[in-house]
């Protein structure tokens, strides 16, 4: 990989409301690939460029999002602003153990037209020029059928040019019309993936696998498969070898939001800087352990 990698992350950022114990709401911004983009930018330091690819509205919340991304060092050249549209919104409710439940308002979100507008043409054409293109299962869901097909063609061209495709499986049943529709969408893109960052629980829920061995067996052609398992050790298959890297034990979990996103970001950053898969997993666990001790998706810098 180049010493100054260019990374594009595709997806959705939403208005985030955190429901607090006293009944109040704290407003911020979040979304799986946006969380990963921010943490990737922080972990890479001065190395390379990290651009976010999405569509927003022309409202004040979208303005604030863009300013936050600029403050975090993300590139906004691939962000569309659609007149009269709004971002999606979600609320996080956490229980006494730090486990979270999400409530979503996103049916009219601008990102649903991210790859169907005339302005999307040069964006899609330029994505294969990046060294790494990163997307998630949530990206697949929110783009819709036409957007997914255009993404697939872009991924094919990206790999043809020798760049890497990274996929985080993040499966959210509520975003799909049916489990069959989700499976079809995942199967369509998985053949174009170089690094799969998979949450084990999501794989079991989506495909009905019963254990990690079935997950690994399902992806024989993917060079690098990382299986995230929460507080348990992550499992890695790379170049025919298998590794197990223990998680960092945390005494008090406050909020597990973005635990997987931050792990993925730190993992990818380490790999881009020349780290081995094992070193990358250690970095992923370390960052995730810090993230889950703070409320919200993005911890203070």
C-alpha atoms as a PDB file:
ATOM      1  CA  UNK A   1       0.000   0.000   0.000  1.00  0.00           C
ATOM      2  CA  UNK A   2       1.176   3.536  -0.746  1.00  0.00           C
ATOM      3  CA  UNK A   3       2.803   5.499   2.113  1.00  0.00           C
ATOM      4  CA  UNK A   4       0.126   8.196   1.668  1.00  0.00           C
ATOM      5  CA  UNK A   5      -3.035   6.132   1.181  1.00  0.00           C
ATOM      6  CA  UNK A   6      -6.233   7.704  -0.091  1.00  0.00           C
ATOM      7  CA  UNK A   7      -9.282   6.151   1.580  1.00  0.00           C
ATOM      8  CA  UNK A   8     -12.946   6.733   0.689  1.00  0.00           C
ATOM      9  CA  UNK A   9     -15.666   5.625   3.099  1.00  0.00           C
ATOM     10  CA  UNK A  10     -19.217   5.444   1.755  1.00  0.00           C
ATOM     11  CA  UNK A  11     -22.341   5.688   3.884  1.00  0.00           C
ATOM     12  CA  UNK A  12     -24.664   7.780   5.973  1.00  0.00           C
ATOM     13  CA  UNK A  13     -24.227  10.185   8.867  1.00  0.00           C
ATOM     14  CA  UNK A  14     -27.331  10.962  10.903  1.00  0.00           C
ATOM     15  CA  UNK A  15     -28.419  13.312  13.633  1.00  0.00           C
ATOM     16  CA  UNK A  16     -27.801  11.363  16.863  1.00  0.00           C
ATOM     17  CA  UNK A  17     -29.905  11.814  19.987  1.00  0.00           C
ATOM     18  CA  UNK A  18     -28.625  10.197  23.184  1.00  0.00           C
ATOM     19  CA  UNK A  19     -31.414   9.445  25.669  1.00  0.00           C
ATOM     20  CA  UNK A  20     -30.057  10.177  29.143  1.00  0.00           C
ATOM     21  CA  UNK A  21     -31.085   8.827  32.529  1.00  0.00           C
ATOM     22  CA  UNK A  22     -32.805  12.071  33.533  1.00  0.00           C
ATOM     23  CA  UNK A  23     -34.969  11.980  30.399  1.00  0.00           C
ATOM     24  CA  UNK A  24     -33.031  14.664  28.533  1.00  0.00           C
ATOM     25  CA  UNK A  25     -31.620  14.249  25.025  1.00  0.00           C
ATOM     26  CA  UNK A  26     -28.080  15.109  23.935  1.00  0.00           C
ATOM     27  CA  UNK A  27     -27.695  15.863  20.223  1.00  0.00           C
ATOM     28  CA  UNK A  28     -24.637  14.918  18.179  1.00  0.00           C
ATOM     29  CA  UNK A  29     -23.919  13.160  14.870  1.00  0.00           C
ATOM     30  CA  UNK A  30     -23.085   9.555  14.025  1.00  0.00           C
ATOM     31  CA  UNK A  31     -23.330   6.669  11.616  1.00  0.00           C
ATOM     32  CA  UNK A  32     -21.276   3.518  11.210  1.00  0.00           C
ATOM     33  CA  UNK A  33     -19.042   4.492   8.286  1.00  0.00           C
ATOM     34  CA  UNK A  34     -18.799   8.104   9.484  1.00  0.00           C
ATOM     35  CA  UNK A  35     -17.659   6.857  12.904  1.00  0.00           C
ATOM     36  CA  UNK A  36     -15.102   4.670  11.159  1.00  0.00           C
ATOM     37  CA  UNK A  37     -13.944   7.597   9.002  1.00  0.00           C
ATOM     38  CA  UNK A  38     -13.375   9.860  12.002  1.00  0.00           C
ATOM     39  CA  UNK A  39     -11.514   7.211  13.977  1.00  0.00           C
ATOM     40  CA  UNK A  40      -9.493   6.208  10.901  1.00  0.00           C
ATOM     41  CA  UNK A  41      -8.458   9.835  10.372  1.00  0.00           C
ATOM     42  CA  UNK A  42      -7.409  10.116  14.024  1.00  0.00           C
ATOM     43  CA  UNK A  43      -5.507   6.813  13.976  1.00  0.00           C
ATOM     44  CA  UNK A  44      -3.645   7.602  10.745  1.00  0.00           C
ATOM     45  CA  UNK A  45      -2.438  10.933  12.104  1.00  0.00           C
ATOM     46  CA  UNK A  46      -0.760  12.905   9.310  1.00  0.00           C
ATOM     47  CA  UNK A  47      -0.708   9.959   6.912  1.00  0.00           C
ATOM     48  CA  UNK A  48      -2.825  10.005   3.749  1.00  0.00           C
ATOM     49  CA  UNK A  49      -6.294  11.343   3.034  1.00  0.00           C
ATOM     50  CA  UNK A  50      -9.662  10.163   4.339  1.00  0.00           C
ATOM     51  CA  UNK A  51     -12.733  11.274   2.365  1.00  0.00           C
ATOM     52  CA  UNK A  52     -16.367  10.676   3.246  1.00  0.00           C
ATOM     53  CA  UNK A  53     -18.857   9.868   0.487  1.00  0.00           C
ATOM     54  CA  UNK A  54     -22.506  10.682   1.209  1.00  0.00           C
ATOM     55  CA  UNK A  55     -25.436  12.981   0.435  1.00  0.00           C
ATOM     56  CA  UNK A  56     -26.842  15.571   2.846  1.00  0.00           C
ATOM     57  CA  UNK A  57     -29.506  18.250   2.738  1.00  0.00           C
ATOM     58  CA  UNK A  58     -29.127  22.025   2.584  1.00  0.00           C
ATOM     59  CA  UNK A  59     -30.228  22.519   6.210  1.00  0.00           C
ATOM     60  CA  UNK A  60     -28.416  23.745   9.310  1.00  0.00           C
ATOM     61  CA  UNK A  61     -27.853  20.210  10.662  1.00  0.00           C
ATOM     62  CA  UNK A  62     -26.101  19.259   7.412  1.00  0.00           C
ATOM     63  CA  UNK A  63     -24.013  22.442   7.678  1.00  0.00           C
ATOM     64  CA  UNK A  64     -22.989  21.474  11.216  1.00  0.00           C
ATOM     65  CA  UNK A  65     -22.096  17.938  10.133  1.00  0.00           C
ATOM     66  CA  UNK A  66     -19.812  19.235   7.400  1.00  0.00           C
ATOM     67  CA  UNK A  67     -18.100  21.624   9.796  1.00  0.00           C
ATOM     68  CA  UNK A  68     -17.505  18.793  12.266  1.00  0.00           C
ATOM     69  CA  UNK A  69     -15.985  16.650   9.512  1.00  0.00           C
ATOM     70  CA  UNK A  70     -13.708  19.491   8.449  1.00  0.00           C
ATOM     71  CA  UNK A  71     -12.638  19.875  12.097  1.00  0.00           C
ATOM     72  CA  UNK A  72     -11.820  16.153  12.175  1.00  0.00           C
ATOM     73  CA  UNK A  73      -9.720  16.402   9.012  1.00  0.00           C
ATOM     74  CA  UNK A  74     -12.066  14.539   6.670  1.00  0.00           C
ATOM     75  CA  UNK A  75     -12.260  15.453   2.989  1.00  0.00           C
ATOM     76  CA  UNK A  76     -15.681  16.713   1.824  1.00  0.00           C
ATOM     77  CA  UNK A  77     -15.080  16.688  -1.924  1.00  0.00           C
ATOM     78  CA  UNK A  78     -17.364  13.643  -2.312  1.00  0.00           C
ATOM     79  CA  UNK A  79     -20.250  15.005  -0.226  1.00  0.00           C
ATOM     80  CA  UNK A  80     -23.376  16.029  -2.154  1.00  0.00           C
ATOM     81  CA  UNK A  81     -25.770  18.672  -0.790  1.00  0.00           C
ATOM     82  CA  UNK A  82     -29.320  18.091  -2.062  1.00  0.00           C
ATOM     83  CA  UNK A  83     -31.775  21.008  -2.028  1.00  0.00           C
ATOM     84  CA  UNK A  84     -34.778  20.602   0.242  1.00  0.00           C
ATOM     85  CA  UNK A  85     -33.552  17.344   1.781  1.00  0.00           C
ATOM     86  CA  UNK A  86     -32.568  16.404   5.341  1.00  0.00           C
ATOM     87  CA  UNK A  87     -30.247  13.904   7.041  1.00  0.00           C
ATOM     88  CA  UNK A  88     -31.648  10.870   8.829  1.00  0.00           C
ATOM     89  CA  UNK A  89     -32.099  10.853  12.611  1.00  0.00           C
ATOM     90  CA  UNK A  90     -31.699   8.204  15.291  1.00  0.00           C
ATOM     91  CA  UNK A  91     -32.004   7.936  19.058  1.00  0.00           C
ATOM     92  CA  UNK A  92     -29.820   5.744  21.280  1.00  0.00           C
ATOM     93  CA  UNK A  93     -31.329   4.255  24.421  1.00  0.00           C
ATOM     94  CA  UNK A  94     -28.916   2.339  26.682  1.00  0.00           C
ATOM     95  CA  UNK A  95     -29.721  -0.074  29.505  1.00  0.00           C
ATOM     96  CA  UNK A  96     -27.919  -0.526  32.832  1.00  0.00           C
ATOM     97  CA  UNK A  97     -25.332  -2.819  31.184  1.00  0.00           C
ATOM     98  CA  UNK A  98     -24.461  -0.327  28.461  1.00  0.00           C
ATOM     99  CA  UNK A  99     -26.258  -2.274  25.721  1.00  0.00           C
ATOM    100  CA  UNK A 100     -28.053  -0.021  23.296  1.00  0.00           C
ATOM    101  CA  UNK A 101     -31.310   0.106  21.355  1.00  0.00           C
ATOM    102  CA  UNK A 102     -31.750   2.322  18.305  1.00  0.00           C
ATOM    103  CA  UNK A 103     -34.832   4.179  17.089  1.00  0.00           C
ATOM    104  CA  UNK A 104     -34.572   5.462  13.492  1.00  0.00           C
ATOM    105  CA  UNK A 105     -36.180   8.186  11.359  1.00  0.00           C
ATOM    106  CA  UNK A 106     -34.467   7.909   7.976  1.00  0.00           C
ATOM    107  CA  UNK A 107     -36.962   7.098   5.181  1.00  0.00           C
ATOM    108  CA  UNK A 108     -36.554  10.526   3.550  1.00  0.00           C
ATOM    109  CA  UNK A 109     -32.816  10.857   4.188  1.00  0.00           C
ATOM    110  CA  UNK A 110     -30.837  12.494   1.380  1.00  0.00           C
ATOM    111  CA  UNK A 111     -28.334   9.626   1.279  1.00  0.00           C
ATOM    112  CA  UNK A 112     -30.939   7.423  -0.409  1.00  0.00           C
ATOM    113  CA  UNK A 113     -30.246   9.364  -3.619  1.00  0.00           C
ATOM    114  CA  UNK A 114     -26.479   9.453  -3.140  1.00  0.00           C
ATOM    115  CA  UNK A 115     -25.714   7.463  -6.304  1.00  0.00           C
ATOM    116  CA  UNK A 116     -28.755   8.361  -8.436  1.00  0.00           C
ATOM    117  CA  UNK A 117     -28.222  12.103  -8.970  1.00  0.00           C
ATOM    118  CA  UNK A 118     -26.364  13.647 -11.936  1.00  0.00           C
ATOM    119  CA  UNK A 119     -23.729  14.870  -9.465  1.00  0.00           C
ATOM    120  CA  UNK A 120     -23.029  11.240  -8.529  1.00  0.00           C
ATOM    121  CA  UNK A 121     -21.465  10.496 -11.933  1.00  0.00           C
ATOM    122  CA  UNK A 122     -18.036  12.075 -11.303  1.00  0.00           C
ATOM    123  CA  UNK A 123     -18.029  10.705  -7.747  1.00  0.00           C
ATOM    124  CA  UNK A 124     -18.577   7.144  -8.917  1.00  0.00           C
ATOM    125  CA  UNK A 125     -15.987   7.610 -11.647  1.00  0.00           C
ATOM    126  CA  UNK A 126     -13.341   8.801  -9.178  1.00  0.00           C
ATOM    127  CA  UNK A 127     -13.853   6.180  -6.451  1.00  0.00           C
ATOM    128  CA  UNK A 128     -11.674   3.527  -8.177  1.00  0.00           C
ATOM    129  CA  UNK A 129      -8.767   6.015  -8.021  1.00  0.00           C
ATOM    130  CA  UNK A 130      -8.621   5.625  -4.214  1.00  0.00           C
ATOM    131  CA  UNK A 131      -6.286   3.086  -2.619  1.00  0.00           C
ATOM    132  CA  UNK A 132      -9.060   1.823  -0.342  1.00  0.00           C
ATOM    133  CA  UNK A 133     -12.846   1.950  -0.704  1.00  0.00           C
ATOM    134  CA  UNK A 134     -14.737   1.138   2.505  1.00  0.00           C
ATOM    135  CA  UNK A 135     -18.465   0.496   2.913  1.00  0.00           C
ATOM    136  CA  UNK A 136     -20.827  -1.419   5.187  1.00  0.00           C
ATOM    137  CA  UNK A 137     -24.017  -3.425   5.285  1.00  0.00           C
ATOM    138  CA  UNK A 138     -25.813  -0.253   6.345  1.00  0.00           C
ATOM    139  CA  UNK A 139     -24.410   1.470   3.248  1.00  0.00           C
ATOM    140  CA  UNK A 140     -25.984  -1.289   1.142  1.00  0.00           C
ATOM    141  CA  UNK A 141     -29.338  -0.852   2.867  1.00  0.00           C
ATOM    142  CA  UNK A 142     -29.628   2.925   2.586  1.00  0.00           C
ATOM    143  CA  UNK A 143     -28.431   3.217  -1.024  1.00  0.00           C
ATOM    144  CA  UNK A 144     -31.403   1.269  -2.378  1.00  0.00           C
ATOM    145  CA  UNK A 145     -31.443  -1.129  -5.320  1.00  0.00           C
ATOM    146  CA  UNK A 146     -30.213   1.286  -8.012  1.00  0.00           C
ATOM    147  CA  UNK A 147     -27.525   2.715  -5.752  1.00  0.00           C
ATOM    148  CA  UNK A 148     -26.335  -0.776  -4.803  1.00  0.00           C
ATOM    149  CA  UNK A 149     -25.957  -1.784  -8.447  1.00  0.00           C
ATOM    150  CA  UNK A 150     -23.928   1.328  -9.195  1.00  0.00           C
ATOM    151  CA  UNK A 151     -21.776   0.693  -6.129  1.00  0.00           C
ATOM    152  CA  UNK A 152     -21.155  -2.890  -7.263  1.00  0.00           C
ATOM    153  CA  UNK A 153     -19.901  -1.757 -10.666  1.00  0.00           C
ATOM    154  CA  UNK A 154     -17.624   0.748  -8.931  1.00  0.00           C
ATOM    155  CA  UNK A 155     -16.209  -1.945  -6.642  1.00  0.00           C
ATOM    156  CA  UNK A 156     -15.460  -4.169  -9.635  1.00  0.00           C
ATOM    157  CA  UNK A 157     -13.545  -1.328 -11.303  1.00  0.00           C
ATOM    158  CA  UNK A 158     -11.789  -0.470  -8.029  1.00  0.00           C
ATOM    159  CA  UNK A 159     -10.365  -3.961  -7.732  1.00  0.00           C
ATOM    160  CA  UNK A 160      -9.525  -4.104 -11.432  1.00  0.00           C
ATOM    161  CA  UNK A 161      -7.210  -1.155 -10.848  1.00  0.00           C
ATOM    162  CA  UNK A 162      -5.512  -2.933  -7.949  1.00  0.00           C
ATOM    163  CA  UNK A 163      -7.083  -1.017  -5.069  1.00  0.00           C
ATOM    164  CA  UNK A 164      -8.521  -2.640  -1.946  1.00  0.00           C
ATOM    165  CA  UNK A 165     -12.195  -2.989  -1.001  1.00  0.00           C
ATOM    166  CA  UNK A 166     -13.038  -3.188   2.713  1.00  0.00           C
ATOM    167  CA  UNK A 167     -16.474  -4.294   3.958  1.00  0.00           C
ATOM    168  CA  UNK A 168     -17.956  -4.118   7.463  1.00  0.00           C
ATOM    169  CA  UNK A 169     -21.050  -6.332   7.547  1.00  0.00           C
ATOM    170  CA  UNK A 170     -23.169  -4.250   9.999  1.00  0.00           C
ATOM    171  CA  UNK A 171     -26.561  -5.907   9.485  1.00  0.00           C
ATOM    172  CA  UNK A 172     -29.640  -4.012  10.680  1.00  0.00           C
ATOM    173  CA  UNK A 173     -32.828  -6.013   9.950  1.00  0.00           C
ATOM    174  CA  UNK A 174     -35.101  -2.957  10.174  1.00  0.00           C
ATOM    175  CA  UNK A 175     -33.403  -1.401   7.154  1.00  0.00           C
ATOM    176  CA  UNK A 176     -34.337  -4.286   4.862  1.00  0.00           C
ATOM    177  CA  UNK A 177     -37.653  -5.359   3.357  1.00  0.00           C
ATOM    178  CA  UNK A 178     -36.752  -8.974   4.135  1.00  0.00           C
ATOM    179  CA  UNK A 179     -33.828 -11.118   5.208  1.00  0.00           C
ATOM    180  CA  UNK A 180     -33.807 -12.563   1.674  1.00  0.00           C
ATOM    181  CA  UNK A 181     -33.312  -9.101   0.175  1.00  0.00           C
ATOM    182  CA  UNK A 182     -30.434  -8.430   2.546  1.00  0.00           C
ATOM    183  CA  UNK A 183     -28.780 -11.755   1.771  1.00  0.00           C
ATOM    184  CA  UNK A 184     -29.002 -11.122  -1.962  1.00  0.00           C
ATOM    185  CA  UNK A 185     -27.419  -7.676  -1.596  1.00  0.00           C
ATOM    186  CA  UNK A 186     -24.591  -8.989   0.574  1.00  0.00           C
ATOM    187  CA  UNK A 187     -23.881 -11.917  -1.742  1.00  0.00           C
ATOM    188  CA  UNK A 188     -23.713  -9.565  -4.735  1.00  0.00           C
ATOM    189  CA  UNK A 189     -20.878  -7.470  -3.286  1.00  0.00           C
ATOM    190  CA  UNK A 190     -18.958  -9.980  -1.199  1.00  0.00           C
ATOM    191  CA  UNK A 191     -17.096 -11.340  -4.241  1.00  0.00           C
ATOM    192  CA  UNK A 192     -15.480  -7.902  -4.637  1.00  0.00           C
ATOM    193  CA  UNK A 193     -14.171  -7.669  -1.050  1.00  0.00           C
ATOM    194  CA  UNK A 194     -10.498  -7.903  -0.049  1.00  0.00           C
ATOM    195  CA  UNK A 195     -10.840  -7.308   3.708  1.00  0.00           C
ATOM    196  CA  UNK A 196     -14.042  -8.402   5.477  1.00  0.00           C
ATOM    197  CA  UNK A 197     -14.564  -6.954   8.961  1.00  0.00           C
ATOM    198  CA  UNK A 198     -17.421  -9.094  10.212  1.00  0.00           C
ATOM    199  CA  UNK A 199     -19.364  -8.925  13.462  1.00  0.00           C
ATOM    200  CA  UNK A 200     -20.100 -12.532  14.385  1.00  0.00           C
ATOM    201  CA  UNK A 201     -23.585 -11.836  15.795  1.00  0.00           C
ATOM    202  CA  UNK A 202     -24.590 -10.094  12.555  1.00  0.00           C
ATOM    203  CA  UNK A 203     -23.401 -13.029  10.460  1.00  0.00           C
ATOM    204  CA  UNK A 204     -25.388 -15.467  12.617  1.00  0.00           C
ATOM    205  CA  UNK A 205     -28.504 -13.283  12.404  1.00  0.00           C
ATOM    206  CA  UNK A 206     -28.329 -12.682   8.659  1.00  0.00           C
ATOM    207  CA  UNK A 207     -27.217 -16.059   7.326  1.00  0.00           C
ATOM    208  CA  UNK A 208     -28.186 -18.431  10.136  1.00  0.00           C
ATOM    209  CA  UNK A 209     -24.633 -19.606  10.770  1.00  0.00           C
ATOM    210  CA  UNK A 210     -24.202 -21.370  14.113  1.00  0.00           C
ATOM    211  CA  UNK A 211     -20.531 -20.665  14.833  1.00  0.00           C
ATOM    212  CA  UNK A 212     -17.399 -18.906  13.632  1.00  0.00           C
ATOM    213  CA  UNK A 213     -16.241 -21.898  11.610  1.00  0.00           C
ATOM    214  CA  UNK A 214     -19.297 -21.612   9.385  1.00  0.00           C
ATOM    215  CA  UNK A 215     -18.628 -17.903   8.907  1.00  0.00           C
ATOM    216  CA  UNK A 216     -15.051 -18.521   7.763  1.00  0.00           C
ATOM    217  CA  UNK A 217     -16.162 -21.373   5.513  1.00  0.00           C
ATOM    218  CA  UNK A 218     -18.667 -19.080   3.781  1.00  0.00           C
ATOM    219  CA  UNK A 219     -15.929 -16.757   2.453  1.00  0.00           C
ATOM    220  CA  UNK A 220     -13.143 -18.919   1.025  1.00  0.00           C
ATOM    221  CA  UNK A 221     -12.142 -16.338  -1.609  1.00  0.00           C
ATOM    222  CA  UNK A 222     -11.672 -13.349   0.717  1.00  0.00           C
ATOM    223  CA  UNK A 223      -7.990 -12.895   1.519  1.00  0.00           C
ATOM    224  CA  UNK A 224      -8.456 -11.292   4.945  1.00  0.00           C
ATOM    225  CA  UNK A 225     -11.424 -12.085   7.188  1.00  0.00           C
ATOM    226  CA  UNK A 226     -11.683 -10.537  10.654  1.00  0.00           C
ATOM    227  CA  UNK A 227     -14.416 -11.818  12.959  1.00  0.00           C
ATOM    228  CA  UNK A 228     -15.346  -9.336  15.697  1.00  0.00           C
ATOM    229  CA  UNK A 229     -16.921 -11.002  18.737  1.00  0.00           C
ATOM    230  CA  UNK A 230     -17.529  -8.225  21.268  1.00  0.00           C
ATOM    231  CA  UNK A 231     -15.751  -8.879  24.546  1.00  0.00           C
ATOM    232  CA  UNK A 232     -14.392 -12.202  23.255  1.00  0.00           C
ATOM    233  CA  UNK A 233     -11.200 -12.601  21.242  1.00  0.00           C
ATOM    234  CA  UNK A 234     -11.454 -11.650  17.587  1.00  0.00           C
ATOM    235  CA  UNK A 235     -10.584 -14.329  15.054  1.00  0.00           C
ATOM    236  CA  UNK A 236      -8.611 -13.638  11.887  1.00  0.00           C
ATOM    237  CA  UNK A 237      -7.899 -15.622   8.751  1.00  0.00           C
ATOM    238  CA  UNK A 238      -5.192 -14.161   6.539  1.00  0.00           C
ATOM    239  CA  UNK A 239      -3.193 -15.804   3.752  1.00  0.00           C
ATOM    240  CA  UNK A 240      -4.375 -19.227   4.871  1.00  0.00           C
ATOM    241  CA  UNK A 241      -3.355 -18.743   8.510  1.00  0.00           C
ATOM    242  CA  UNK A 242      -5.602 -18.300  11.534  1.00  0.00           C
ATOM    243  CA  UNK A 243      -5.080 -16.003  14.545  1.00  0.00           C
ATOM    244  CA  UNK A 244      -6.951 -15.270  17.762  1.00  0.00           C
ATOM    245  CA  UNK A 245      -6.393 -11.911  19.457  1.00  0.00           C
ATOM    246  CA  UNK A 246      -7.950 -11.349  22.907  1.00  0.00           C
ATOM    247  CA  UNK A 247     -10.053  -8.273  23.608  1.00  0.00           C
ATOM    248  CA  UNK A 248      -9.139  -5.667  26.221  1.00  0.00           C
ATOM    249  CA  UNK A 249     -11.106  -6.205  29.427  1.00  0.00           C
ATOM    250  CA  UNK A 250     -13.081  -3.162  30.564  1.00  0.00           C
ATOM    251  CA  UNK A 251     -14.305  -2.792  34.138  1.00  0.00           C
ATOM    252  CA  UNK A 252     -17.319  -0.588  33.385  1.00  0.00           C
ATOM    253  CA  UNK A 253     -19.002  -0.438  29.986  1.00  0.00           C
ATOM    254  CA  UNK A 254     -20.871   2.852  29.537  1.00  0.00           C
ATOM    255  CA  UNK A 255     -22.041   2.646  25.909  1.00  0.00           C
ATOM    256  CA  UNK A 256     -21.164   0.090  23.224  1.00  0.00           C
ATOM    257  CA  UNK A 257     -22.121   2.443  20.378  1.00  0.00           C
ATOM    258  CA  UNK A 258     -19.359   2.501  17.703  1.00  0.00           C
ATOM    259  CA  UNK A 259     -17.373  -0.284  19.364  1.00  0.00           C
ATOM    260  CA  UNK A 260     -17.225  -2.221  16.108  1.00  0.00           C
ATOM    261  CA  UNK A 261     -16.729   0.894  13.977  1.00  0.00           C
ATOM    262  CA  UNK A 262     -13.751   2.036  16.058  1.00  0.00           C
ATOM    263  CA  UNK A 263     -12.237  -1.460  16.016  1.00  0.00           C
ATOM    264  CA  UNK A 264     -12.523  -1.540  12.224  1.00  0.00           C
ATOM    265  CA  UNK A 265     -10.970   1.910  11.894  1.00  0.00           C
ATOM    266  CA  UNK A 266      -7.989   1.151  14.103  1.00  0.00           C
ATOM    267  CA  UNK A 267      -7.527  -2.230  12.416  1.00  0.00           C
ATOM    268  CA  UNK A 268      -7.474  -0.670   8.962  1.00  0.00           C
ATOM    269  CA  UNK A 269      -5.203   2.180  10.064  1.00  0.00           C
ATOM    270  CA  UNK A 270      -2.682  -0.281  11.453  1.00  0.00           C
ATOM    271  CA  UNK A 271      -2.738  -2.337   8.262  1.00  0.00           C
ATOM    272  CA  UNK A 272      -2.265   0.793   6.136  1.00  0.00           C
ATOM    273  CA  UNK A 273       0.745   1.718   8.263  1.00  0.00           C
ATOM    274  CA  UNK A 274       2.307  -1.720   7.683  1.00  0.00           C
ATOM    275  CA  UNK A 275       1.107  -3.563  10.769  1.00  0.00           C
ATOM    276  CA  UNK A 276       0.384  -7.298  10.693  1.00  0.00           C
ATOM    277  CA  UNK A 277      -3.209  -8.539  11.123  1.00  0.00           C
ATOM    278  CA  UNK A 278      -2.398  -9.445  14.728  1.00  0.00           C
ATOM    279  CA  UNK A 279      -0.956  -5.996  15.455  1.00  0.00           C
ATOM    280  CA  UNK A 280      -3.971  -4.437  13.763  1.00  0.00           C
ATOM    281  CA  UNK A 281      -6.380  -6.420  15.935  1.00  0.00           C
ATOM    282  CA  UNK A 282      -4.539  -5.320  19.085  1.00  0.00           C
ATOM    283  CA  UNK A 283      -4.949  -1.700  17.938  1.00  0.00           C
ATOM    284  CA  UNK A 284      -8.621  -2.327  17.197  1.00  0.00           C
ATOM    285  CA  UNK A 285      -9.321  -3.798  20.622  1.00  0.00           C
ATOM    286  CA  UNK A 286      -7.443  -0.983  22.352  1.00  0.00           C
ATOM    287  CA  UNK A 287      -9.428   1.781  20.663  1.00  0.00           C
ATOM    288  CA  UNK A 288     -12.767  -0.011  21.077  1.00  0.00           C
ATOM    289  CA  UNK A 289     -12.065  -0.482  24.797  1.00  0.00           C
ATOM    290  CA  UNK A 290     -11.739   3.298  25.165  1.00  0.00           C
ATOM    291  CA  UNK A 291     -14.792   4.069  23.050  1.00  0.00           C
ATOM    292  CA  UNK A 292     -17.155   1.887  25.114  1.00  0.00           C
ATOM    293  CA  UNK A 293     -16.238   3.742  28.307  1.00  0.00           C
ATOM    294  CA  UNK A 294     -17.709   7.012  26.984  1.00  0.00           C
ATOM    295  CA  UNK A 295     -21.315   7.811  26.015  1.00  0.00           C
ATOM    296  CA  UNK A 296     -22.000   8.335  22.313  1.00  0.00           C
ATOM    297  CA  UNK A 297     -20.375   7.224  19.094  1.00  0.00           C
ATOM    298  CA  UNK A 298     -17.428   9.645  18.937  1.00  0.00           C
ATOM    299  CA  UNK A 299     -15.274  10.127  22.005  1.00  0.00           C
ATOM    300  CA  UNK A 300     -13.441  13.450  22.538  1.00  0.00           C
ATOM    301  CA  UNK A 301     -10.110  13.773  20.741  1.00  0.00           C
END
